[in-house]
């Protein structure tokens, strides 16, 4: 089983890289045999269907990287060092952070709602295997793509696509009438220059969607690791309200899913335009 799917651009036309690390839905048989949860409960951790919103990117000149294995199996948006001693045998309890303590390390212990995935612990060798065969290849490919973009365009813009439960925004204290449809996380400017975040926000707002920034999601490991404006490499985490396009309880597309997908086609094309070559960028090599 592969770690990711990669869609190359039809032509090298944008410094943007689109990624969806949490939309993977290839559940290994041994994982399904080991879990105490049913399939729908496992899927509650997915950014279900987000990869389907990126279909317009290649024809707009931007590459797409999507995870294939599910987040409940290995989380690409965590550091490889974020190992949970409550789940993985032989792991030290030193250096815990709130994500690990809550069961959401790189090998998750729980899914949405804090429901335990396993009856007991898994072996350290199993955790290492998942990191070696899935986590590492995904990040190797993402690193490669961002390097290609910087070489061709003089900069790289990673748009890391996610989805958020509607309740997550409600619990953040947002008034219902002001609840955002989209939350952009640039780690309060540390992961991307303000003008790029503003341009991304404008694309969504021009499409009729309400946009918030950094609350309640400021950007996790991927934004932190790859957002390096000092070398002209920017990263923005984009959270989309799941209730706009899916039945969250059933994890099924809404009847009007196709309309929202078409809306996202236009948004993705406009996001890719943000990454068009700047003056002074390196020229593109002939094929």
C-alpha atoms as a PDB file:
ATOM      1  CA  UNK A   1       0.000   0.000   0.000  1.00  0.00           C
ATOM      2  CA  UNK A   2       1.320   3.423  -0.962  1.00  0.00           C
ATOM      3  CA  UNK A   3       1.755   6.317   1.453  1.00  0.00           C
ATOM      4  CA  UNK A   4       0.419   8.997  -0.883  1.00  0.00           C
ATOM      5  CA  UNK A   5      -1.044   9.906  -4.249  1.00  0.00           C
ATOM      6  CA  UNK A   6       0.679  12.524  -6.364  1.00  0.00           C
ATOM      7  CA  UNK A   7      -0.875  14.478  -9.202  1.00  0.00           C
ATOM      8  CA  UNK A   8       1.725  16.430 -11.177  1.00  0.00           C
ATOM      9  CA  UNK A   9       0.833  19.762 -12.726  1.00  0.00           C
ATOM     10  CA  UNK A  10      -0.193  19.726 -16.393  1.00  0.00           C
ATOM     11  CA  UNK A  11       2.413  22.460 -16.816  1.00  0.00           C
ATOM     12  CA  UNK A  12       4.693  24.220 -14.281  1.00  0.00           C
ATOM     13  CA  UNK A  13       2.487  27.259 -13.815  1.00  0.00           C
ATOM     14  CA  UNK A  14       2.306  27.995 -10.077  1.00  0.00           C
ATOM     15  CA  UNK A  15       4.527  28.083  -6.998  1.00  0.00           C
ATOM     16  CA  UNK A  16       1.618  26.627  -5.015  1.00  0.00           C
ATOM     17  CA  UNK A  17       1.634  23.050  -3.728  1.00  0.00           C
ATOM     18  CA  UNK A  18      -1.746  21.686  -2.631  1.00  0.00           C
ATOM     19  CA  UNK A  19      -1.674  18.942  -0.003  1.00  0.00           C
ATOM     20  CA  UNK A  20      -4.287  16.958   1.902  1.00  0.00           C
ATOM     21  CA  UNK A  21      -2.571  14.814   4.545  1.00  0.00           C
ATOM     22  CA  UNK A  22      -5.731  13.651   6.343  1.00  0.00           C
ATOM     23  CA  UNK A  23      -8.073  12.585   3.528  1.00  0.00           C
ATOM     24  CA  UNK A  24      -6.582   9.080   3.227  1.00  0.00           C
ATOM     25  CA  UNK A  25      -9.080   6.236   3.428  1.00  0.00           C
ATOM     26  CA  UNK A  26      -7.059   3.077   2.647  1.00  0.00           C
ATOM     27  CA  UNK A  27      -7.463   1.106   5.879  1.00  0.00           C
ATOM     28  CA  UNK A  28      -4.925  -1.737   6.247  1.00  0.00           C
ATOM     29  CA  UNK A  29      -6.514  -5.105   7.028  1.00  0.00           C
ATOM     30  CA  UNK A  30      -4.332  -5.668  10.086  1.00  0.00           C
ATOM     31  CA  UNK A  31      -5.383  -2.287  11.454  1.00  0.00           C
ATOM     32  CA  UNK A  32      -9.072  -3.094  11.034  1.00  0.00           C
ATOM     33  CA  UNK A  33      -8.468  -6.423  12.782  1.00  0.00           C
ATOM     34  CA  UNK A  34      -6.712  -4.719  15.713  1.00  0.00           C
ATOM     35  CA  UNK A  35      -9.115  -1.870  16.403  1.00  0.00           C
ATOM     36  CA  UNK A  36     -12.102  -1.996  18.752  1.00  0.00           C
ATOM     37  CA  UNK A  37     -13.950   0.618  16.693  1.00  0.00           C
ATOM     38  CA  UNK A  38     -16.284   0.215  13.737  1.00  0.00           C
ATOM     39  CA  UNK A  39     -15.377   1.649  10.359  1.00  0.00           C
ATOM     40  CA  UNK A  40     -17.528   4.759  10.658  1.00  0.00           C
ATOM     41  CA  UNK A  41     -15.998   5.622  14.027  1.00  0.00           C
ATOM     42  CA  UNK A  42     -12.508   5.281  12.563  1.00  0.00           C
ATOM     43  CA  UNK A  43     -13.481   7.549   9.680  1.00  0.00           C
ATOM     44  CA  UNK A  44     -14.484  10.326  12.088  1.00  0.00           C
ATOM     45  CA  UNK A  45     -10.803  11.335  12.173  1.00  0.00           C
ATOM     46  CA  UNK A  46     -10.585  11.729   8.387  1.00  0.00           C
ATOM     47  CA  UNK A  47     -10.728  14.966   6.485  1.00  0.00           C
ATOM     48  CA  UNK A  48     -13.171  13.034   4.341  1.00  0.00           C
ATOM     49  CA  UNK A  49     -13.508  14.108   0.686  1.00  0.00           C
ATOM     50  CA  UNK A  50     -11.081  17.038   0.945  1.00  0.00           C
ATOM     51  CA  UNK A  51      -8.865  15.466  -1.718  1.00  0.00           C
ATOM     52  CA  UNK A  52     -11.848  15.660  -4.099  1.00  0.00           C
ATOM     53  CA  UNK A  53     -11.733  19.454  -3.895  1.00  0.00           C
ATOM     54  CA  UNK A  54      -8.269  19.590  -5.481  1.00  0.00           C
ATOM     55  CA  UNK A  55      -9.097  18.103  -8.878  1.00  0.00           C
ATOM     56  CA  UNK A  56      -8.709  21.471 -10.662  1.00  0.00           C
ATOM     57  CA  UNK A  57      -5.167  22.069  -9.393  1.00  0.00           C
ATOM     58  CA  UNK A  58      -3.097  20.164 -12.000  1.00  0.00           C
ATOM     59  CA  UNK A  59      -4.740  21.959 -14.929  1.00  0.00           C
ATOM     60  CA  UNK A  60      -4.074  25.235 -13.086  1.00  0.00           C
ATOM     61  CA  UNK A  61      -0.355  24.397 -13.005  1.00  0.00           C
ATOM     62  CA  UNK A  62      -0.072  23.236  -9.379  1.00  0.00           C
ATOM     63  CA  UNK A  63       0.885  19.799  -7.997  1.00  0.00           C
ATOM     64  CA  UNK A  64      -1.286  17.882  -5.520  1.00  0.00           C
ATOM     65  CA  UNK A  65      -0.089  15.556  -2.746  1.00  0.00           C
ATOM     66  CA  UNK A  66      -2.672  13.554  -0.789  1.00  0.00           C
ATOM     67  CA  UNK A  67      -2.204  10.950   1.919  1.00  0.00           C
ATOM     68  CA  UNK A  68      -3.585   7.482   1.249  1.00  0.00           C
ATOM     69  CA  UNK A  69      -3.489   5.914   4.718  1.00  0.00           C
ATOM     70  CA  UNK A  70      -5.956   7.264   7.283  1.00  0.00           C
ATOM     71  CA  UNK A  71      -5.091   9.676  10.043  1.00  0.00           C
ATOM     72  CA  UNK A  72      -6.208   7.108  12.647  1.00  0.00           C
ATOM     73  CA  UNK A  73      -3.336   4.890  11.444  1.00  0.00           C
ATOM     74  CA  UNK A  74      -0.556   7.481  11.165  1.00  0.00           C
ATOM     75  CA  UNK A  75      -0.851  11.253  11.329  1.00  0.00           C
ATOM     76  CA  UNK A  76       1.242  13.126   8.762  1.00  0.00           C
ATOM     77  CA  UNK A  77       0.532  16.408  10.579  1.00  0.00           C
ATOM     78  CA  UNK A  78       2.568  15.382  13.623  1.00  0.00           C
ATOM     79  CA  UNK A  79       6.304  15.133  14.170  1.00  0.00           C
ATOM     80  CA  UNK A  80       7.752  11.632  13.982  1.00  0.00           C
ATOM     81  CA  UNK A  81       8.955  12.147  17.562  1.00  0.00           C
ATOM     82  CA  UNK A  82       5.429  12.664  18.927  1.00  0.00           C
ATOM     83  CA  UNK A  83       5.123   9.107  20.236  1.00  0.00           C
ATOM     84  CA  UNK A  84       2.503   8.289  22.865  1.00  0.00           C
ATOM     85  CA  UNK A  85       3.773   6.199  25.814  1.00  0.00           C
ATOM     86  CA  UNK A  86       0.174   5.324  26.698  1.00  0.00           C
ATOM     87  CA  UNK A  87      -0.106   3.531  23.326  1.00  0.00           C
ATOM     88  CA  UNK A  88       3.379   2.460  22.225  1.00  0.00           C
ATOM     89  CA  UNK A  89       5.311  -0.010  24.365  1.00  0.00           C
ATOM     90  CA  UNK A  90       8.751   1.118  25.481  1.00  0.00           C
ATOM     91  CA  UNK A  91       8.298   4.840  24.747  1.00  0.00           C
ATOM     92  CA  UNK A  92       9.529   7.311  27.357  1.00  0.00           C
ATOM     93  CA  UNK A  93       6.988   9.584  29.012  1.00  0.00           C
ATOM     94  CA  UNK A  94       9.413  12.515  28.947  1.00  0.00           C
ATOM     95  CA  UNK A  95       8.724  15.417  26.618  1.00  0.00           C
ATOM     96  CA  UNK A  96       4.966  14.973  26.370  1.00  0.00           C
ATOM     97  CA  UNK A  97       2.924  17.772  24.824  1.00  0.00           C
ATOM     98  CA  UNK A  98      -0.857  18.319  24.990  1.00  0.00           C
ATOM     99  CA  UNK A  99      -1.406  16.571  21.638  1.00  0.00           C
ATOM    100  CA  UNK A 100       0.327  13.402  22.788  1.00  0.00           C
ATOM    101  CA  UNK A 101      -1.335  13.499  26.217  1.00  0.00           C
ATOM    102  CA  UNK A 102      -4.757  13.708  24.589  1.00  0.00           C
ATOM    103  CA  UNK A 103      -4.024  10.650  22.441  1.00  0.00           C
ATOM    104  CA  UNK A 104      -3.324  12.524  19.213  1.00  0.00           C
ATOM    105  CA  UNK A 105       0.330  11.812  18.608  1.00  0.00           C
ATOM    106  CA  UNK A 106       1.853  10.675  15.324  1.00  0.00           C
ATOM    107  CA  UNK A 107       0.325   7.225  15.938  1.00  0.00           C
ATOM    108  CA  UNK A 108      -3.076   8.208  17.373  1.00  0.00           C
ATOM    109  CA  UNK A 109      -4.514   6.445  20.395  1.00  0.00           C
ATOM    110  CA  UNK A 110      -8.022   7.912  19.964  1.00  0.00           C
ATOM    111  CA  UNK A 111     -10.336   9.206  17.256  1.00  0.00           C
ATOM    112  CA  UNK A 112     -12.792  12.102  17.419  1.00  0.00           C
ATOM    113  CA  UNK A 113     -14.589  12.304  20.720  1.00  0.00           C
ATOM    114  CA  UNK A 114     -11.704  10.648  22.576  1.00  0.00           C
ATOM    115  CA  UNK A 115     -12.762   7.113  21.616  1.00  0.00           C
ATOM    116  CA  UNK A 116      -9.925   4.602  22.063  1.00  0.00           C
ATOM    117  CA  UNK A 117      -8.767   2.859  18.888  1.00  0.00           C
ATOM    118  CA  UNK A 118      -7.112  -0.172  20.506  1.00  0.00           C
ATOM    119  CA  UNK A 119      -7.673  -2.487  23.459  1.00  0.00           C
ATOM    120  CA  UNK A 120      -4.096  -2.094  24.665  1.00  0.00           C
ATOM    121  CA  UNK A 121      -0.695  -1.030  23.423  1.00  0.00           C
ATOM    122  CA  UNK A 122       1.058  -1.609  20.118  1.00  0.00           C
ATOM    123  CA  UNK A 123       4.719  -2.532  19.790  1.00  0.00           C
ATOM    124  CA  UNK A 124       7.466  -0.004  19.231  1.00  0.00           C
ATOM    125  CA  UNK A 125       8.478  -1.911  16.099  1.00  0.00           C
ATOM    126  CA  UNK A 126       4.978  -1.499  14.660  1.00  0.00           C
ATOM    127  CA  UNK A 127       5.085   2.250  15.292  1.00  0.00           C
ATOM    128  CA  UNK A 128       8.519   2.433  13.661  1.00  0.00           C
ATOM    129  CA  UNK A 129       7.265   0.479  10.643  1.00  0.00           C
ATOM    130  CA  UNK A 130       4.390   2.924  10.078  1.00  0.00           C
ATOM    131  CA  UNK A 131       6.742   5.879  10.282  1.00  0.00           C
ATOM    132  CA  UNK A 132       9.225   4.251   7.889  1.00  0.00           C
ATOM    133  CA  UNK A 133       6.754   3.134   5.230  1.00  0.00           C
ATOM    134  CA  UNK A 134       4.158   5.932   5.371  1.00  0.00           C
ATOM    135  CA  UNK A 135       5.150   9.030   7.342  1.00  0.00           C
ATOM    136  CA  UNK A 136       8.678   9.360   5.945  1.00  0.00           C
ATOM    137  CA  UNK A 137       7.779   8.894   2.243  1.00  0.00           C
ATOM    138  CA  UNK A 138       5.001  11.478   2.500  1.00  0.00           C
ATOM    139  CA  UNK A 139       7.336  14.069   3.997  1.00  0.00           C
ATOM    140  CA  UNK A 140      10.148  13.207   1.609  1.00  0.00           C
ATOM    141  CA  UNK A 141       7.805  13.880  -1.318  1.00  0.00           C
ATOM    142  CA  UNK A 142       6.487  17.104   0.184  1.00  0.00           C
ATOM    143  CA  UNK A 143      10.033  18.340   0.785  1.00  0.00           C
ATOM    144  CA  UNK A 144      10.919  17.470  -2.821  1.00  0.00           C
ATOM    145  CA  UNK A 145       7.922  19.329  -4.245  1.00  0.00           C
ATOM    146  CA  UNK A 146       8.606  22.477  -2.259  1.00  0.00           C
ATOM    147  CA  UNK A 147      12.230  22.414  -3.379  1.00  0.00           C
ATOM    148  CA  UNK A 148      11.132  22.115  -7.018  1.00  0.00           C
ATOM    149  CA  UNK A 149       8.801  25.087  -6.634  1.00  0.00           C
ATOM    150  CA  UNK A 150      11.506  27.277  -5.098  1.00  0.00           C
ATOM    151  CA  UNK A 151      13.909  26.352  -7.905  1.00  0.00           C
ATOM    152  CA  UNK A 152      11.373  27.094 -10.650  1.00  0.00           C
ATOM    153  CA  UNK A 153       9.560  30.117  -9.206  1.00  0.00           C
ATOM    154  CA  UNK A 154      11.882  31.551  -6.566  1.00  0.00           C
ATOM    155  CA  UNK A 155       9.368  30.684  -3.849  1.00  0.00           C
ATOM    156  CA  UNK A 156       7.011  27.948  -2.709  1.00  0.00           C
ATOM    157  CA  UNK A 157       3.523  28.236  -1.204  1.00  0.00           C
ATOM    158  CA  UNK A 158       2.156  25.173   0.574  1.00  0.00           C
ATOM    159  CA  UNK A 159      -1.623  25.170   0.999  1.00  0.00           C
ATOM    160  CA  UNK A 160      -2.275  22.374   3.495  1.00  0.00           C
ATOM    161  CA  UNK A 161      -5.936  21.448   3.158  1.00  0.00           C
ATOM    162  CA  UNK A 162      -7.984  20.133   6.082  1.00  0.00           C
ATOM    163  CA  UNK A 163     -11.565  20.018   7.316  1.00  0.00           C
ATOM    164  CA  UNK A 164     -12.976  20.950  10.700  1.00  0.00           C
ATOM    165  CA  UNK A 165     -16.062  19.710  12.538  1.00  0.00           C
ATOM    166  CA  UNK A 166     -18.707  22.387  12.806  1.00  0.00           C
ATOM    167  CA  UNK A 167     -18.722  21.902  16.575  1.00  0.00           C
ATOM    168  CA  UNK A 168     -15.016  22.751  16.765  1.00  0.00           C
ATOM    169  CA  UNK A 169     -15.755  26.300  15.717  1.00  0.00           C
ATOM    170  CA  UNK A 170     -18.798  26.510  17.981  1.00  0.00           C
ATOM    171  CA  UNK A 171     -16.734  25.441  20.989  1.00  0.00           C
ATOM    172  CA  UNK A 172     -14.119  28.097  20.225  1.00  0.00           C
ATOM    173  CA  UNK A 173     -16.563  30.775  21.358  1.00  0.00           C
ATOM    174  CA  UNK A 174     -17.517  32.073  17.921  1.00  0.00           C
ATOM    175  CA  UNK A 175     -20.980  33.602  17.794  1.00  0.00           C
ATOM    176  CA  UNK A 176     -23.211  31.573  15.475  1.00  0.00           C
ATOM    177  CA  UNK A 177     -23.790  34.469  13.089  1.00  0.00           C
ATOM    178  CA  UNK A 178     -20.037  35.055  12.825  1.00  0.00           C
ATOM    179  CA  UNK A 179     -18.959  31.410  12.626  1.00  0.00           C
ATOM    180  CA  UNK A 180     -16.305  31.051   9.905  1.00  0.00           C
ATOM    181  CA  UNK A 181     -16.581  28.657   6.985  1.00  0.00           C
ATOM    182  CA  UNK A 182     -12.801  28.702   6.550  1.00  0.00           C
ATOM    183  CA  UNK A 183     -10.000  29.061   9.091  1.00  0.00           C
ATOM    184  CA  UNK A 184      -6.530  29.961   7.805  1.00  0.00           C
ATOM    185  CA  UNK A 185      -3.594  29.088  10.035  1.00  0.00           C
ATOM    186  CA  UNK A 186      -0.257  30.738   9.340  1.00  0.00           C
ATOM    187  CA  UNK A 187       0.998  30.485  12.922  1.00  0.00           C
ATOM    188  CA  UNK A 188       0.292  34.188  13.397  1.00  0.00           C
ATOM    189  CA  UNK A 189       2.560  35.156  10.537  1.00  0.00           C
ATOM    190  CA  UNK A 190       5.467  32.850  11.402  1.00  0.00           C
ATOM    191  CA  UNK A 191       4.680  30.380   8.581  1.00  0.00           C
ATOM    192  CA  UNK A 192       3.726  32.757   5.741  1.00  0.00           C
ATOM    193  CA  UNK A 193       4.050  36.392   4.797  1.00  0.00           C
ATOM    194  CA  UNK A 194       0.971  38.459   5.562  1.00  0.00           C
ATOM    195  CA  UNK A 195       0.341  39.383   1.927  1.00  0.00           C
ATOM    196  CA  UNK A 196       0.118  35.715   0.942  1.00  0.00           C
ATOM    197  CA  UNK A 197      -2.301  34.897   3.758  1.00  0.00           C
ATOM    198  CA  UNK A 198      -4.339  37.944   2.789  1.00  0.00           C
ATOM    199  CA  UNK A 199      -4.441  36.841  -0.858  1.00  0.00           C
ATOM    200  CA  UNK A 200      -5.628  33.359   0.169  1.00  0.00           C
ATOM    201  CA  UNK A 201      -8.288  34.855   2.443  1.00  0.00           C
ATOM    202  CA  UNK A 202      -9.515  37.079  -0.380  1.00  0.00           C
ATOM    203  CA  UNK A 203     -10.003  34.101  -2.716  1.00  0.00           C
ATOM    204  CA  UNK A 204     -12.307  32.399  -0.209  1.00  0.00           C
ATOM    205  CA  UNK A 205     -14.189  35.550   0.766  1.00  0.00           C
ATOM    206  CA  UNK A 206     -14.717  36.495  -2.891  1.00  0.00           C
ATOM    207  CA  UNK A 207     -16.343  33.057  -3.293  1.00  0.00           C
ATOM    208  CA  UNK A 208     -18.850  33.954  -0.568  1.00  0.00           C
ATOM    209  CA  UNK A 209     -17.229  32.103   2.337  1.00  0.00           C
ATOM    210  CA  UNK A 210     -16.586  33.626   5.758  1.00  0.00           C
ATOM    211  CA  UNK A 211     -12.896  33.492   6.717  1.00  0.00           C
ATOM    212  CA  UNK A 212     -11.135  33.578  10.088  1.00  0.00           C
ATOM    213  CA  UNK A 213      -7.436  33.424  10.881  1.00  0.00           C
ATOM    214  CA  UNK A 214      -5.525  31.394  13.442  1.00  0.00           C
ATOM    215  CA  UNK A 215      -8.487  30.732  15.713  1.00  0.00           C
ATOM    216  CA  UNK A 216      -9.208  28.042  16.674  1.00  0.00           C
ATOM    217  CA  UNK A 217      -6.555  26.515  14.362  1.00  0.00           C
ATOM    218  CA  UNK A 218      -3.250  28.337  13.927  1.00  0.00           C
ATOM    219  CA  UNK A 219      -1.454  25.550  12.044  1.00  0.00           C
ATOM    220  CA  UNK A 220       0.087  22.334  13.337  1.00  0.00           C
ATOM    221  CA  UNK A 221       3.295  20.432  12.570  1.00  0.00           C
ATOM    222  CA  UNK A 222       3.262  20.788   8.780  1.00  0.00           C
ATOM    223  CA  UNK A 223       2.807  24.560   8.897  1.00  0.00           C
ATOM    224  CA  UNK A 224       5.463  24.809  11.576  1.00  0.00           C
ATOM    225  CA  UNK A 225       7.975  22.604   9.763  1.00  0.00           C
ATOM    226  CA  UNK A 226       7.548  23.872   6.214  1.00  0.00           C
ATOM    227  CA  UNK A 227       6.579  27.501   6.759  1.00  0.00           C
ATOM    228  CA  UNK A 228       9.896  29.336   6.408  1.00  0.00           C
ATOM    229  CA  UNK A 229       9.248  32.791   4.933  1.00  0.00           C
ATOM    230  CA  UNK A 230      12.933  33.680   5.355  1.00  0.00           C
ATOM    231  CA  UNK A 231      13.747  31.301   2.482  1.00  0.00           C
ATOM    232  CA  UNK A 232      10.584  32.264   0.571  1.00  0.00           C
ATOM    233  CA  UNK A 233       8.792  29.079   1.536  1.00  0.00           C
ATOM    234  CA  UNK A 234       5.335  29.726   2.936  1.00  0.00           C
ATOM    235  CA  UNK A 235       2.799  27.369   4.477  1.00  0.00           C
ATOM    236  CA  UNK A 236      -0.857  27.973   5.330  1.00  0.00           C
ATOM    237  CA  UNK A 237      -3.169  25.440   6.943  1.00  0.00           C
ATOM    238  CA  UNK A 238      -6.684  25.709   5.506  1.00  0.00           C
ATOM    239  CA  UNK A 239      -9.625  24.306   7.487  1.00  0.00           C
ATOM    240  CA  UNK A 240     -13.002  23.933   5.742  1.00  0.00           C
ATOM    241  CA  UNK A 241     -16.246  23.531   7.707  1.00  0.00           C
ATOM    242  CA  UNK A 242     -17.364  19.950   7.008  1.00  0.00           C
ATOM    243  CA  UNK A 243     -21.041  20.806   7.336  1.00  0.00           C
ATOM    244  CA  UNK A 244     -20.798  22.771   4.077  1.00  0.00           C
ATOM    245  CA  UNK A 245     -20.524  19.585   2.031  1.00  0.00           C
ATOM    246  CA  UNK A 246     -21.077  16.451   4.133  1.00  0.00           C
ATOM    247  CA  UNK A 247     -23.261  14.779   6.723  1.00  0.00           C
ATOM    248  CA  UNK A 248     -20.774  14.641   9.590  1.00  0.00           C
ATOM    249  CA  UNK A 249     -22.540  11.861  11.475  1.00  0.00           C
ATOM    250  CA  UNK A 250     -22.845   9.533   8.489  1.00  0.00           C
ATOM    251  CA  UNK A 251     -19.612  10.699   6.837  1.00  0.00           C
ATOM    252  CA  UNK A 252     -21.442  10.977   3.540  1.00  0.00           C
ATOM    253  CA  UNK A 253     -21.531  13.772   0.951  1.00  0.00           C
ATOM    254  CA  UNK A 254     -24.506  16.112   1.146  1.00  0.00           C
ATOM    255  CA  UNK A 255     -26.967  16.041  -1.775  1.00  0.00           C
ATOM    256  CA  UNK A 256     -25.463  19.333  -2.990  1.00  0.00           C
ATOM    257  CA  UNK A 257     -21.869  18.062  -2.762  1.00  0.00           C
ATOM    258  CA  UNK A 258     -21.312  18.523  -6.497  1.00  0.00           C
ATOM    259  CA  UNK A 259     -22.191  22.209  -6.235  1.00  0.00           C
ATOM    260  CA  UNK A 260     -19.698  22.757  -3.443  1.00  0.00           C
ATOM    261  CA  UNK A 261     -17.098  20.789  -5.380  1.00  0.00           C
ATOM    262  CA  UNK A 262     -17.638  23.105  -8.347  1.00  0.00           C
ATOM    263  CA  UNK A 263     -17.262  26.110  -6.046  1.00  0.00           C
ATOM    264  CA  UNK A 264     -13.966  24.653  -4.812  1.00  0.00           C
ATOM    265  CA  UNK A 265     -12.810  24.109  -8.411  1.00  0.00           C
ATOM    266  CA  UNK A 266     -12.955  27.859  -8.952  1.00  0.00           C
ATOM    267  CA  UNK A 267     -11.350  28.574  -5.595  1.00  0.00           C
ATOM    268  CA  UNK A 268      -8.469  26.193  -6.300  1.00  0.00           C
ATOM    269  CA  UNK A 269      -7.836  27.776  -9.695  1.00  0.00           C
ATOM    270  CA  UNK A 270      -7.717  31.215  -8.078  1.00  0.00           C
ATOM    271  CA  UNK A 271      -5.448  29.975  -5.290  1.00  0.00           C
ATOM    272  CA  UNK A 272      -3.063  28.588  -7.893  1.00  0.00           C
ATOM    273  CA  UNK A 273      -2.928  32.041  -9.512  1.00  0.00           C
ATOM    274  CA  UNK A 274      -1.397  33.405  -6.303  1.00  0.00           C
ATOM    275  CA  UNK A 275       1.670  31.331  -7.122  1.00  0.00           C
ATOM    276  CA  UNK A 276       2.193  32.569 -10.655  1.00  0.00           C
ATOM    277  CA  UNK A 277       5.808  33.499 -11.412  1.00  0.00           C
ATOM    278  CA  UNK A 278       7.010  36.815  -9.996  1.00  0.00           C
ATOM    279  CA  UNK A 279       9.394  39.142 -11.705  1.00  0.00           C
ATOM    280  CA  UNK A 280      12.874  37.977 -10.919  1.00  0.00           C
ATOM    281  CA  UNK A 281      11.876  34.345 -10.524  1.00  0.00           C
ATOM    282  CA  UNK A 282      14.062  31.795 -12.204  1.00  0.00           C
ATOM    283  CA  UNK A 283      12.993  31.008 -15.780  1.00  0.00           C
ATOM    284  CA  UNK A 284      11.324  27.684 -16.485  1.00  0.00           C
ATOM    285  CA  UNK A 285      13.448  25.073 -18.212  1.00  0.00           C
ATOM    286  CA  UNK A 286      12.292  23.849 -21.606  1.00  0.00           C
ATOM    287  CA  UNK A 287      10.958  20.283 -21.737  1.00  0.00           C
END
